[in-house]
Amino acid sequence: MMAEEIKEHLSSASQQRQVARQKAQDRLFLKGPITFLWMLSHIPDATSRLILVARAFVDIEDSPRIKLTRKHWECAGITDKDTRSRVIAKIRRECPGILLDAKQGRCTYIEFKRL
């Protein structure tokens, strides 16, 4: 709901850039033939999607820790702050093998201890 409100305030050029960026992200893939678009349509849990996306980017960067930027959140289909905070709380509560370094006003860092 909040994403639609923001889109209404954007110029048409900004909306077109956002649509183009989203289409490009939808064609990116996790591993093998699994695209982010497929993941968004088949995995309803936002937390699971974020973990899969973060894990894919950790593997790409060959580092156990990454900074979750807007790109990562959007690839997981998470666009509003409320959902982000619920996802962070659920990871902290239910995933002991994943460490989060979240500070208010800063990007969250995610680190995979073991999987």
PDB file of N, CA and C in Angstrom:
ATOM      1  N   MET A   1       0.818  -1.171   0.000  1.00  0.00           N
ATOM      2  CA  MET A   1       0.000   0.000   0.000  1.00  0.00           C
ATOM      3  C   MET A   1       0.873   1.250   0.000  1.00  0.00           C
ATOM      4  N   MET A   2       1.910   1.276   0.783  1.00  0.00           N
ATOM      5  CA  MET A   2       2.773   2.435   0.864  1.00  0.00           C
ATOM      6  C   MET A   2       3.532   2.651  -0.443  1.00  0.00           C
ATOM      7  N   ALA A   3       3.904   1.564  -1.129  1.00  0.00           N
ATOM      8  CA  ALA A   3       4.622   1.677  -2.395  1.00  0.00           C
ATOM      9  C   ALA A   3       3.759   2.373  -3.436  1.00  0.00           C
ATOM     10  N   GLU A   4       2.441   2.083  -3.446  1.00  0.00           N
ATOM     11  CA  GLU A   4       1.555   2.734  -4.395  1.00  0.00           C
ATOM     12  C   GLU A   4       1.436   4.219  -4.101  1.00  0.00           C
ATOM     13  N   GLU A   5       1.406   4.587  -2.803  1.00  0.00           N
ATOM     14  CA  GLU A   5       1.330   5.988  -2.431  1.00  0.00           C
ATOM     15  C   GLU A   5       2.566   6.743  -2.894  1.00  0.00           C
ATOM     16  N   ILE A   6       3.727   6.131  -2.789  1.00  0.00           N
ATOM     17  CA  ILE A   6       4.967   6.763  -3.224  1.00  0.00           C
ATOM     18  C   ILE A   6       4.958   6.909  -4.736  1.00  0.00           C
ATOM     19  N   LYS A   7       4.492   5.888  -5.456  1.00  0.00           N
ATOM     20  CA  LYS A   7       4.467   5.951  -6.909  1.00  0.00           C
ATOM     21  C   LYS A   7       3.609   7.106  -7.406  1.00  0.00           C
ATOM     22  N   GLU A   8       2.531   7.429  -6.697  1.00  0.00           N
ATOM     23  CA  GLU A   8       1.656   8.521  -7.099  1.00  0.00           C
ATOM     24  C   GLU A   8       2.381   9.858  -7.059  1.00  0.00           C
ATOM     25  N   HIS A   9       3.369   9.996  -6.192  1.00  0.00           N
ATOM     26  CA  HIS A   9       4.093  11.249  -6.039  1.00  0.00           C
ATOM     27  C   HIS A   9       5.281  11.362  -6.991  1.00  0.00           C
ATOM     28  N   LEU A  10       5.636  10.295  -7.668  1.00  0.00           N
ATOM     29  CA  LEU A  10       6.772  10.307  -8.576  1.00  0.00           C
ATOM     30  C   LEU A  10       6.367  10.862  -9.931  1.00  0.00           C
ATOM     31  N   SER A  11       7.314  11.475 -10.610  1.00  0.00           N
ATOM     32  CA  SER A  11       7.048  11.939 -11.971  1.00  0.00           C
ATOM     33  C   SER A  11       6.917  10.730 -12.888  1.00  0.00           C
ATOM     34  N   SER A  12       6.378  10.949 -14.071  1.00  0.00           N
ATOM     35  CA  SER A  12       6.192   9.828 -14.989  1.00  0.00           C
ATOM     36  C   SER A  12       7.533   9.243 -15.416  1.00  0.00           C
ATOM     37  N   ALA A  13       8.568  10.077 -15.547  1.00  0.00           N
ATOM     38  CA  ALA A  13       9.894   9.575 -15.912  1.00  0.00           C
ATOM     39  C   ALA A  13      10.445   8.676 -14.802  1.00  0.00           C
ATOM     40  N   SER A  14      10.251   9.084 -13.544  1.00  0.00           N
ATOM     41  CA  SER A  14      10.715   8.271 -12.421  1.00  0.00           C
ATOM     42  C   SER A  14       9.950   6.964 -12.352  1.00  0.00           C
ATOM     43  N   GLN A  15       8.647   7.004 -12.618  1.00  0.00           N
ATOM     44  CA  GLN A  15       7.852   5.781 -12.621  1.00  0.00           C
ATOM     45  C   GLN A  15       8.322   4.827 -13.706  1.00  0.00           C
ATOM     46  N   GLN A  16       8.653   5.363 -14.882  1.00  0.00           N
ATOM     47  CA  GLN A  16       9.141   4.527 -15.978  1.00  0.00           C
ATOM     48  C   GLN A  16      10.484   3.893 -15.619  1.00  0.00           C
ATOM     49  N   ARG A  17      11.377   4.655 -14.996  1.00  0.00           N
ATOM     50  CA  ARG A  17      12.672   4.103 -14.573  1.00  0.00           C
ATOM     51  C   ARG A  17      12.473   3.001 -13.541  1.00  0.00           C
ATOM     52  N   GLN A  18      11.535   3.216 -12.613  1.00  0.00           N
ATOM     53  CA  GLN A  18      11.274   2.213 -11.587  1.00  0.00           C
ATOM     54  C   GLN A  18      10.716   0.934 -12.207  1.00  0.00           C
ATOM     55  N   VAL A  19       9.819   1.056 -13.158  1.00  0.00           N
ATOM     56  CA  VAL A  19       9.260  -0.115 -13.832  1.00  0.00           C
ATOM     57  C   VAL A  19      10.348  -0.851 -14.596  1.00  0.00           C
ATOM     58  N   ALA A  20      11.226  -0.108 -15.287  1.00  0.00           N
ATOM     59  CA  ALA A  20      12.316  -0.739 -16.037  1.00  0.00           C
ATOM     60  C   ALA A  20      13.275  -1.465 -15.099  1.00  0.00           C
ATOM     61  N   ARG A  21      13.585  -0.843 -13.961  1.00  0.00           N
ATOM     62  CA  ARG A  21      14.489  -1.467 -12.987  1.00  0.00           C
ATOM     63  C   ARG A  21      13.866  -2.742 -12.427  1.00  0.00           C
ATOM     64  N   GLN A  22      12.553  -2.701 -12.153  1.00  0.00           N
ATOM     65  CA  GLN A  22      11.877  -3.872 -11.618  1.00  0.00           C
ATOM     66  C   GLN A  22      11.862  -5.007 -12.635  1.00  0.00           C
ATOM     67  N   LYS A  23      11.640  -4.696 -13.907  1.00  0.00           N
ATOM     68  CA  LYS A  23      11.659  -5.729 -14.942  1.00  0.00           C
ATOM     69  C   LYS A  23      13.034  -6.365 -15.048  1.00  0.00           C
ATOM     70  N   ALA A  24      14.094  -5.547 -14.946  1.00  0.00           N
ATOM     71  CA  ALA A  24      15.454  -6.080 -15.011  1.00  0.00           C
ATOM     72  C   ALA A  24      15.730  -6.980 -13.804  1.00  0.00           C
ATOM     73  N   GLN A  25      15.257  -6.582 -12.616  1.00  0.00           N
ATOM     74  CA  GLN A  25      15.469  -7.399 -11.420  1.00  0.00           C
ATOM     75  C   GLN A  25      14.687  -8.700 -11.493  1.00  0.00           C
ATOM     76  N   ASP A  26      13.514  -8.662 -12.114  1.00  0.00           N
ATOM     77  CA  ASP A  26      12.701  -9.874 -12.232  1.00  0.00           C
ATOM     78  C   ASP A  26      13.386 -10.941 -13.075  1.00  0.00           C
ATOM     79  N   ARG A  27      14.274 -10.533 -13.966  1.00  0.00           N
ATOM     80  CA  ARG A  27      14.968 -11.503 -14.813  1.00  0.00           C
ATOM     81  C   ARG A  27      16.224 -12.063 -14.158  1.00  0.00           C
ATOM     82  N   LEU A  28      16.691 -11.431 -13.068  1.00  0.00           N
ATOM     83  CA  LEU A  28      17.833 -11.979 -12.345  1.00  0.00           C
ATOM     84  C   LEU A  28      17.430 -13.326 -11.753  1.00  0.00           C
ATOM     85  N   PHE A  29      18.400 -14.165 -11.457  1.00  0.00           N
ATOM     86  CA  PHE A  29      18.052 -15.478 -10.932  1.00  0.00           C
ATOM     87  C   PHE A  29      18.826 -15.787  -9.664  1.00  0.00           C
ATOM     88  N   LEU A  30      18.248 -16.653  -8.845  1.00  0.00           N
ATOM     89  CA  LEU A  30      18.897 -17.103  -7.615  1.00  0.00           C
ATOM     90  C   LEU A  30      19.997 -18.091  -7.945  1.00  0.00           C
ATOM     91  N   LYS A  31      19.611 -19.260  -8.355  1.00  0.00           N
ATOM     92  CA  LYS A  31      20.544 -20.302  -8.772  1.00  0.00           C
ATOM     93  C   LYS A  31      19.859 -21.095  -9.863  1.00  0.00           C
ATOM     94  N   GLY A  32      20.609 -21.465 -10.863  1.00  0.00           N
ATOM     95  CA  GLY A  32      20.025 -22.237 -11.948  1.00  0.00           C
ATOM     96  C   GLY A  32      18.916 -21.458 -12.629  1.00  0.00           C
ATOM     97  N   PRO A  33      17.818 -22.108 -12.897  1.00  0.00           N
ATOM     98  CA  PRO A  33      16.737 -21.423 -13.615  1.00  0.00           C
ATOM     99  C   PRO A  33      15.716 -20.722 -12.711  1.00  0.00           C
ATOM    100  N   ILE A  34      15.987 -20.583 -11.429  1.00  0.00           N
ATOM    101  CA  ILE A  34      15.019 -19.960 -10.519  1.00  0.00           C
ATOM    102  C   ILE A  34      15.228 -18.448 -10.524  1.00  0.00           C
ATOM    103  N   THR A  35      14.272 -17.730 -11.108  1.00  0.00           N
ATOM    104  CA  THR A  35      14.373 -16.271 -11.171  1.00  0.00           C
ATOM    105  C   THR A  35      13.742 -15.643  -9.938  1.00  0.00           C
ATOM    106  N   PHE A  36      14.061 -14.377  -9.708  1.00  0.00           N
ATOM    107  CA  PHE A  36      13.444 -13.665  -8.600  1.00  0.00           C
ATOM    108  C   PHE A  36      11.939 -13.541  -8.813  1.00  0.00           C
ATOM    109  N   LEU A  37      11.505 -13.372 -10.050  1.00  0.00           N
ATOM    110  CA  LEU A  37      10.074 -13.284 -10.336  1.00  0.00           C
ATOM    111  C   LEU A  37       9.370 -14.585  -9.960  1.00  0.00           C
ATOM    112  N   TRP A  38       9.970 -15.720 -10.272  1.00  0.00           N
ATOM    113  CA  TRP A  38       9.391 -17.008  -9.899  1.00  0.00           C
ATOM    114  C   TRP A  38       9.305 -17.113  -8.385  1.00  0.00           C
ATOM    115  N   MET A  39      10.382 -16.718  -7.702  1.00  0.00           N
ATOM    116  CA  MET A  39      10.423 -16.797  -6.252  1.00  0.00           C
ATOM    117  C   MET A  39       9.324 -15.931  -5.629  1.00  0.00           C
ATOM    118  N   LEU A  40       9.122 -14.724  -6.170  1.00  0.00           N
ATOM    119  CA  LEU A  40       8.084 -13.839  -5.640  1.00  0.00           C
ATOM    120  C   LEU A  40       6.691 -14.431  -5.797  1.00  0.00           C
ATOM    121  N   SER A  41       6.472 -15.134  -6.883  1.00  0.00           N
ATOM    122  CA  SER A  41       5.136 -15.677  -7.127  1.00  0.00           C
ATOM    123  C   SER A  41       4.898 -17.032  -6.450  1.00  0.00           C
ATOM    124  N   HIS A  42       5.949 -17.716  -6.018  1.00  0.00           N
ATOM    125  CA  HIS A  42       5.780 -19.058  -5.442  1.00  0.00           C
ATOM    126  C   HIS A  42       6.124 -19.169  -3.960  1.00  0.00           C
ATOM    127  N   ILE A  43       6.793 -18.191  -3.392  1.00  0.00           N
ATOM    128  CA  ILE A  43       7.150 -18.236  -1.969  1.00  0.00           C
ATOM    129  C   ILE A  43       6.436 -17.080  -1.268  1.00  0.00           C
ATOM    130  N   PRO A  44       5.370 -17.371  -0.524  1.00  0.00           N
ATOM    131  CA  PRO A  44       4.585 -16.289   0.068  1.00  0.00           C
ATOM    132  C   PRO A  44       5.238 -15.620   1.283  1.00  0.00           C
ATOM    133  N   ASP A  45       6.144 -16.302   1.957  1.00  0.00           N
ATOM    134  CA  ASP A  45       6.747 -15.773   3.179  1.00  0.00           C
ATOM    135  C   ASP A  45       7.879 -14.803   2.855  1.00  0.00           C
ATOM    136  N   ALA A  46       7.733 -13.550   3.280  1.00  0.00           N
ATOM    137  CA  ALA A  46       8.731 -12.512   3.002  1.00  0.00           C
ATOM    138  C   ALA A  46      10.080 -12.834   3.640  1.00  0.00           C
ATOM    139  N   THR A  47      10.061 -13.425   4.823  1.00  0.00           N
ATOM    140  CA  THR A  47      11.311 -13.768   5.510  1.00  0.00           C
ATOM    141  C   THR A  47      12.093 -14.806   4.717  1.00  0.00           C
ATOM    142  N   SER A  48      11.407 -15.820   4.245  1.00  0.00           N
ATOM    143  CA  SER A  48      12.064 -16.861   3.447  1.00  0.00           C
ATOM    144  C   SER A  48      12.653 -16.277   2.166  1.00  0.00           C
ATOM    145  N   ARG A  49      11.899 -15.388   1.520  1.00  0.00           N
ATOM    146  CA  ARG A  49      12.402 -14.766   0.289  1.00  0.00           C
ATOM    147  C   ARG A  49      13.652 -13.940   0.570  1.00  0.00           C
ATOM    148  N   LEU A  50      13.649 -13.166   1.655  1.00  0.00           N
ATOM    149  CA  LEU A  50      14.818 -12.344   1.969  1.00  0.00           C
ATOM    150  C   LEU A  50      16.030 -13.217   2.261  1.00  0.00           C
ATOM    151  N   ILE A  51      15.840 -14.296   2.996  1.00  0.00           N
ATOM    152  CA  ILE A  51      16.961 -15.186   3.308  1.00  0.00           C
ATOM    153  C   ILE A  51      17.532 -15.791   2.025  1.00  0.00           C
ATOM    154  N   LEU A  52      16.660 -16.223   1.110  1.00  0.00           N
ATOM    155  CA  LEU A  52      17.134 -16.776  -0.165  1.00  0.00           C
ATOM    156  C   LEU A  52      17.892 -15.733  -0.984  1.00  0.00           C
ATOM    157  N   VAL A  53      17.355 -14.529  -1.046  1.00  0.00           N
ATOM    158  CA  VAL A  53      18.021 -13.460  -1.797  1.00  0.00           C
ATOM    159  C   VAL A  53      19.361 -13.121  -1.164  1.00  0.00           C
ATOM    160  N   ALA A  54      19.373 -12.954   0.156  1.00  0.00           N
ATOM    161  CA  ALA A  54      20.629 -12.620   0.844  1.00  0.00           C
ATOM    162  C   ALA A  54      21.660 -13.722   0.658  1.00  0.00           C
ATOM    163  N   ARG A  55      21.210 -14.965   0.750  1.00  0.00           N
ATOM    164  CA  ARG A  55      22.131 -16.098   0.571  1.00  0.00           C
ATOM    165  C   ARG A  55      22.725 -16.102  -0.843  1.00  0.00           C
ATOM    166  N   ALA A  56      21.893 -15.785  -1.840  1.00  0.00           N
ATOM    167  CA  ALA A  56      22.383 -15.736  -3.216  1.00  0.00           C
ATOM    168  C   ALA A  56      23.436 -14.646  -3.376  1.00  0.00           C
ATOM    169  N   PHE A  57      23.196 -13.472  -2.805  1.00  0.00           N
ATOM    170  CA  PHE A  57      24.165 -12.387  -2.923  1.00  0.00           C
ATOM    171  C   PHE A  57      25.421 -12.657  -2.099  1.00  0.00           C
ATOM    172  N   VAL A  58      25.287 -13.363  -0.973  1.00  0.00           N
ATOM    173  CA  VAL A  58      26.458 -13.762  -0.191  1.00  0.00           C
ATOM    174  C   VAL A  58      27.331 -14.696  -1.021  1.00  0.00           C
ATOM    175  N   ASP A  59      26.686 -15.637  -1.717  1.00  0.00           N
ATOM    176  CA  ASP A  59      27.445 -16.551  -2.568  1.00  0.00           C
ATOM    177  C   ASP A  59      28.122 -15.811  -3.722  1.00  0.00           C
ATOM    178  N   ILE A  60      27.442 -14.823  -4.293  1.00  0.00           N
ATOM    179  CA  ILE A  60      28.016 -14.042  -5.389  1.00  0.00           C
ATOM    180  C   ILE A  60      29.239 -13.276  -4.908  1.00  0.00           C
ATOM    181  N   GLU A  61      29.128 -12.638  -3.744  1.00  0.00           N
ATOM    182  CA  GLU A  61      30.211 -11.814  -3.214  1.00  0.00           C
ATOM    183  C   GLU A  61      31.265 -12.636  -2.482  1.00  0.00           C
ATOM    184  N   ASP A  62      31.002 -13.920  -2.257  1.00  0.00           N
ATOM    185  CA  ASP A  62      31.933 -14.818  -1.575  1.00  0.00           C
ATOM    186  C   ASP A  62      32.362 -14.262  -0.216  1.00  0.00           C
ATOM    187  N   SER A  63      31.365 -13.790   0.521  1.00  0.00           N
ATOM    188  CA  SER A  63      31.586 -13.248   1.852  1.00  0.00           C
ATOM    189  C   SER A  63      30.417 -13.676   2.728  1.00  0.00           C
ATOM    190  N   PRO A  64      30.648 -14.014   3.993  1.00  0.00           N
ATOM    191  CA  PRO A  64      29.528 -14.451   4.833  1.00  0.00           C
ATOM    192  C   PRO A  64      28.628 -13.301   5.297  1.00  0.00           C
ATOM    193  N   ARG A  65      29.017 -12.055   5.021  1.00  0.00           N
ATOM    194  CA  ARG A  65      28.286 -10.877   5.525  1.00  0.00           C
ATOM    195  C   ARG A  65      28.071  -9.881   4.389  1.00  0.00           C
ATOM    196  N   ILE A  66      26.820  -9.396   4.260  1.00  0.00           N
ATOM    197  CA  ILE A  66      26.530  -8.360   3.274  1.00  0.00           C
ATOM    198  C   ILE A  66      25.638  -7.294   3.895  1.00  0.00           C
ATOM    199  N   LYS A  67      25.639  -6.126   3.272  1.00  0.00           N
ATOM    200  CA  LYS A  67      24.759  -5.042   3.670  1.00  0.00           C
ATOM    201  C   LYS A  67      23.481  -5.151   2.852  1.00  0.00           C
ATOM    202  N   LEU A  68      22.337  -5.205   3.519  1.00  0.00           N
ATOM    203  CA  LEU A  68      21.051  -5.299   2.826  1.00  0.00           C
ATOM    204  C   LEU A  68      20.655  -3.907   2.330  1.00  0.00           C
ATOM    205  N   THR A  69      20.791  -3.691   1.051  1.00  0.00           N
ATOM    206  CA  THR A  69      20.431  -2.419   0.443  1.00  0.00           C
ATOM    207  C   THR A  69      19.025  -2.509  -0.149  1.00  0.00           C
ATOM    208  N   ARG A  70      18.569  -1.421  -0.709  1.00  0.00           N
ATOM    209  CA  ARG A  70      17.247  -1.399  -1.326  1.00  0.00           C
ATOM    210  C   ARG A  70      17.128  -2.463  -2.404  1.00  0.00           C
ATOM    211  N   LYS A  71      18.214  -2.694  -3.123  1.00  0.00           N
ATOM    212  CA  LYS A  71      18.210  -3.713  -4.178  1.00  0.00           C
ATOM    213  C   LYS A  71      17.850  -5.088  -3.612  1.00  0.00           C
ATOM    214  N   HIS A  72      18.437  -5.461  -2.494  1.00  0.00           N
ATOM    215  CA  HIS A  72      18.174  -6.762  -1.884  1.00  0.00           C
ATOM    216  C   HIS A  72      16.726  -6.864  -1.413  1.00  0.00           C
ATOM    217  N   TRP A  73      16.233  -5.813  -0.752  1.00  0.00           N
ATOM    218  CA  TRP A  73      14.859  -5.817  -0.263  1.00  0.00           C
ATOM    219  C   TRP A  73      13.877  -5.911  -1.427  1.00  0.00           C
ATOM    220  N   GLU A  74      14.130  -5.165  -2.499  1.00  0.00           N
ATOM    221  CA  GLU A  74      13.219  -5.195  -3.648  1.00  0.00           C
ATOM    222  C   GLU A  74      13.263  -6.546  -4.362  1.00  0.00           C
ATOM    223  N   CYS A  75      14.422  -7.148  -4.459  1.00  0.00           N
ATOM    224  CA  CYS A  75      14.515  -8.474  -5.073  1.00  0.00           C
ATOM    225  C   CYS A  75      13.708  -9.497  -4.277  1.00  0.00           C
ATOM    226  N   ALA A  76      13.600  -9.292  -2.977  1.00  0.00           N
ATOM    227  CA  ALA A  76      12.807 -10.178  -2.132  1.00  0.00           C
ATOM    228  C   ALA A  76      11.332  -9.769  -2.100  1.00  0.00           C
ATOM    229  N   GLY A  77      10.983  -8.692  -2.787  1.00  0.00           N
ATOM    230  CA  GLY A  77       9.596  -8.250  -2.841  1.00  0.00           C
ATOM    231  C   GLY A  77       9.136  -7.522  -1.595  1.00  0.00           C
ATOM    232  N   ILE A  78      10.072  -6.953  -0.854  1.00  0.00           N
ATOM    233  CA  ILE A  78       9.744  -6.237   0.386  1.00  0.00           C
ATOM    234  C   ILE A  78       9.983  -4.751   0.132  1.00  0.00           C
ATOM    235  N   THR A  79       8.885  -3.982   0.157  1.00  0.00           N
ATOM    236  CA  THR A  79       9.012  -2.574  -0.225  1.00  0.00           C
ATOM    237  C   THR A  79       8.666  -1.597   0.886  1.00  0.00           C
ATOM    238  N   ASP A  80       8.072  -2.058   1.986  1.00  0.00           N
ATOM    239  CA  ASP A  80       7.696  -1.104   3.028  1.00  0.00           C
ATOM    240  C   ASP A  80       8.444  -1.385   4.331  1.00  0.00           C
ATOM    241  N   LYS A  81       8.575  -0.345   5.139  1.00  0.00           N
ATOM    242  CA  LYS A  81       9.352  -0.432   6.377  1.00  0.00           C
ATOM    243  C   LYS A  81       8.733  -1.373   7.406  1.00  0.00           C
ATOM    244  N   ASP A  82       7.411  -1.436   7.449  1.00  0.00           N
ATOM    245  CA  ASP A  82       6.759  -2.326   8.418  1.00  0.00           C
ATOM    246  C   ASP A  82       7.116  -3.785   8.149  1.00  0.00           C
ATOM    247  N   THR A  83       7.063  -4.175   6.883  1.00  0.00           N
ATOM    248  CA  THR A  83       7.409  -5.552   6.542  1.00  0.00           C
ATOM    249  C   THR A  83       8.880  -5.813   6.829  1.00  0.00           C
ATOM    250  N   ARG A  84       9.738  -4.842   6.542  1.00  0.00           N
ATOM    251  CA  ARG A  84      11.168  -5.000   6.856  1.00  0.00           C
ATOM    252  C   ARG A  84      11.373  -5.265   8.332  1.00  0.00           C
ATOM    253  N   SER A  85      10.732  -4.476   9.177  1.00  0.00           N
ATOM    254  CA  SER A  85      10.937  -4.659  10.622  1.00  0.00           C
ATOM    255  C   SER A  85      10.379  -5.996  11.094  1.00  0.00           C
ATOM    256  N   ARG A  86       9.247  -6.447  10.523  1.00  0.00           N
ATOM    257  CA  ARG A  86       8.716  -7.759  10.896  1.00  0.00           C
ATOM    258  C   ARG A  86       9.653  -8.881  10.449  1.00  0.00           C
ATOM    259  N   VAL A  87      10.227  -8.747   9.257  1.00  0.00           N
ATOM    260  CA  VAL A  87      11.154  -9.756   8.753  1.00  0.00           C
ATOM    261  C   VAL A  87      12.407  -9.811   9.628  1.00  0.00           C
ATOM    262  N   ILE A  88      12.935  -8.659   9.990  1.00  0.00           N
ATOM    263  CA  ILE A  88      14.127  -8.613  10.846  1.00  0.00           C
ATOM    264  C   ILE A  88      13.824  -9.252  12.202  1.00  0.00           C
ATOM    265  N   ALA A  89      12.667  -8.929  12.781  1.00  0.00           N
ATOM    266  CA  ALA A  89      12.292  -9.506  14.070  1.00  0.00           C
ATOM    267  C   ALA A  89      12.136 -11.025  13.973  1.00  0.00           C
ATOM    268  N   LYS A  90      11.543 -11.508  12.889  1.00  0.00           N
ATOM    269  CA  LYS A  90      11.349 -12.953  12.729  1.00  0.00           C
ATOM    270  C   LYS A  90      12.677 -13.680  12.551  1.00  0.00           C
ATOM    271  N   ILE A  91      13.601 -13.085  11.802  1.00  0.00           N
ATOM    272  CA  ILE A  91      14.922 -13.706  11.631  1.00  0.00           C
ATOM    273  C   ILE A  91      15.634 -13.782  12.974  1.00  0.00           C
ATOM    274  N   ARG A  92      15.592 -12.697  13.743  1.00  0.00           N
ATOM    275  CA  ARG A  92      16.230 -12.706  15.068  1.00  0.00           C
ATOM    276  C   ARG A  92      15.617 -13.760  15.978  1.00  0.00           C
ATOM    277  N   ARG A  93      14.308 -13.910  15.899  1.00  0.00           N
ATOM    278  CA  ARG A  93      13.583 -14.817  16.785  1.00  0.00           C
ATOM    279  C   ARG A  93      13.753 -16.279  16.390  1.00  0.00           C
ATOM    280  N   GLU A  94      13.766 -16.572  15.087  1.00  0.00           N
ATOM    281  CA  GLU A  94      13.666 -17.964  14.647  1.00  0.00           C
ATOM    282  C   GLU A  94      14.881 -18.515  13.905  1.00  0.00           C
ATOM    283  N   CYS A  95      15.895 -17.709  13.661  1.00  0.00           N
ATOM    284  CA  CYS A  95      17.046 -18.172  12.872  1.00  0.00           C
ATOM    285  C   CYS A  95      18.347 -17.946  13.638  1.00  0.00           C
ATOM    286  N   PRO A  96      18.728 -18.887  14.498  1.00  0.00           N
ATOM    287  CA  PRO A  96      19.951 -18.688  15.287  1.00  0.00           C
ATOM    288  C   PRO A  96      21.232 -18.711  14.441  1.00  0.00           C
ATOM    289  N   GLY A  97      21.183 -19.261  13.241  1.00  0.00           N
ATOM    290  CA  GLY A  97      22.365 -19.315  12.391  1.00  0.00           C
ATOM    291  C   GLY A  97      22.584 -18.068  11.557  1.00  0.00           C
ATOM    292  N   ILE A  98      21.713 -17.083  11.725  1.00  0.00           N
ATOM    293  CA  ILE A  98      21.823 -15.841  10.964  1.00  0.00           C
ATOM    294  C   ILE A  98      21.948 -14.680  11.946  1.00  0.00           C
ATOM    295  N   LEU A  99      22.993 -13.900  11.788  1.00  0.00           N
ATOM    296  CA  LEU A  99      23.204 -12.727  12.635  1.00  0.00           C
ATOM    297  C   LEU A  99      22.782 -11.475  11.880  1.00  0.00           C
ATOM    298  N   LEU A 100      22.095 -10.576  12.573  1.00  0.00           N
ATOM    299  CA  LEU A 100      21.684  -9.307  11.986  1.00  0.00           C
ATOM    300  C   LEU A 100      22.295  -8.169  12.781  1.00  0.00           C
ATOM    301  N   ASP A 101      22.794  -7.181  12.076  1.00  0.00           N
ATOM    302  CA  ASP A 101      23.290  -5.962  12.691  1.00  0.00           C
ATOM    303  C   ASP A 101      22.422  -4.837  12.143  1.00  0.00           C
ATOM    304  N   ALA A 102      21.338  -4.534  12.860  1.00  0.00           N
ATOM    305  CA  ALA A 102      20.376  -3.531  12.400  1.00  0.00           C
ATOM    306  C   ALA A 102      20.382  -2.355  13.362  1.00  0.00           C
ATOM    307  N   LYS A 103      20.696  -1.196  12.847  1.00  0.00           N
ATOM    308  CA  LYS A 103      20.651   0.022  13.641  1.00  0.00           C
ATOM    309  C   LYS A 103      19.685   0.982  12.955  1.00  0.00           C
ATOM    310  N   GLN A 104      18.922   1.696  13.755  1.00  0.00           N
ATOM    311  CA  GLN A 104      17.919   2.600  13.207  1.00  0.00           C
ATOM    312  C   GLN A 104      18.585   3.660  12.332  1.00  0.00           C
ATOM    313  N   GLY A 105      18.049   3.826  11.128  1.00  0.00           N
ATOM    314  CA  GLY A 105      18.586   4.816  10.202  1.00  0.00           C
ATOM    315  C   GLY A 105      19.766   4.322   9.396  1.00  0.00           C
ATOM    316  N   ARG A 106      20.176   3.092   9.576  1.00  0.00           N
ATOM    317  CA  ARG A 106      21.321   2.502   8.858  1.00  0.00           C
ATOM    318  C   ARG A 106      20.871   1.263   8.118  1.00  0.00           C
ATOM    319  N   CYS A 107      21.657   0.858   7.133  1.00  0.00           N
ATOM    320  CA  CYS A 107      21.385  -0.398   6.432  1.00  0.00           C
ATOM    321  C   CYS A 107      21.652  -1.558   7.388  1.00  0.00           C
ATOM    322  N   THR A 108      20.878  -2.597   7.236  1.00  0.00           N
ATOM    323  CA  THR A 108      21.040  -3.798   8.050  1.00  0.00           C
ATOM    324  C   THR A 108      22.095  -4.693   7.412  1.00  0.00           C
ATOM    325  N   TYR A 109      22.960  -5.252   8.236  1.00  0.00           N
ATOM    326  CA  TYR A 109      23.929  -6.239   7.774  1.00  0.00           C
ATOM    327  C   TYR A 109      23.421  -7.603   8.177  1.00  0.00           C
ATOM    328  N   ILE A 110      23.576  -8.562   7.273  1.00  0.00           N
ATOM    329  CA  ILE A 110      23.169  -9.932   7.551  1.00  0.00           C
ATOM    330  C   ILE A 110      24.392 -10.829   7.378  1.00  0.00           C
ATOM    331  N   GLU A 111      24.568 -11.731   8.340  1.00  0.00           N
ATOM    332  CA  GLU A 111      25.716 -12.645   8.298  1.00  0.00           C
ATOM    333  C   GLU A 111      25.221 -14.060   8.543  1.00  0.00           C
ATOM    334  N   PHE A 112      25.674 -14.976   7.698  1.00  0.00           N
ATOM    335  CA  PHE A 112      25.296 -16.372   7.823  1.00  0.00           C
ATOM    336  C   PHE A 112      26.401 -17.107   8.560  1.00  0.00           C
ATOM    337  N   LYS A 113      26.117 -17.522   9.807  1.00  0.00           N
ATOM    338  CA  LYS A 113      27.102 -18.297  10.576  1.00  0.00           C
ATOM    339  C   LYS A 113      27.216 -19.696  10.020  1.00  0.00           C
ATOM    340  N   ARG A 114      26.076 -20.335   9.818  1.00  0.00           N
ATOM    341  CA  ARG A 114      26.050 -21.690   9.289  1.00  0.00           C
ATOM    342  C   ARG A 114      24.702 -21.915   8.627  1.00  0.00           C
ATOM    343  N   LEU A 115      24.718 -22.755   7.596  1.00  0.00           N
ATOM    344  CA  LEU A 115      23.463 -23.118   6.932  1.00  0.00           C
ATOM    345  C   LEU A 115      23.489 -24.555   6.517  1.00  0.00           C
TER     346      LEU A 115
END
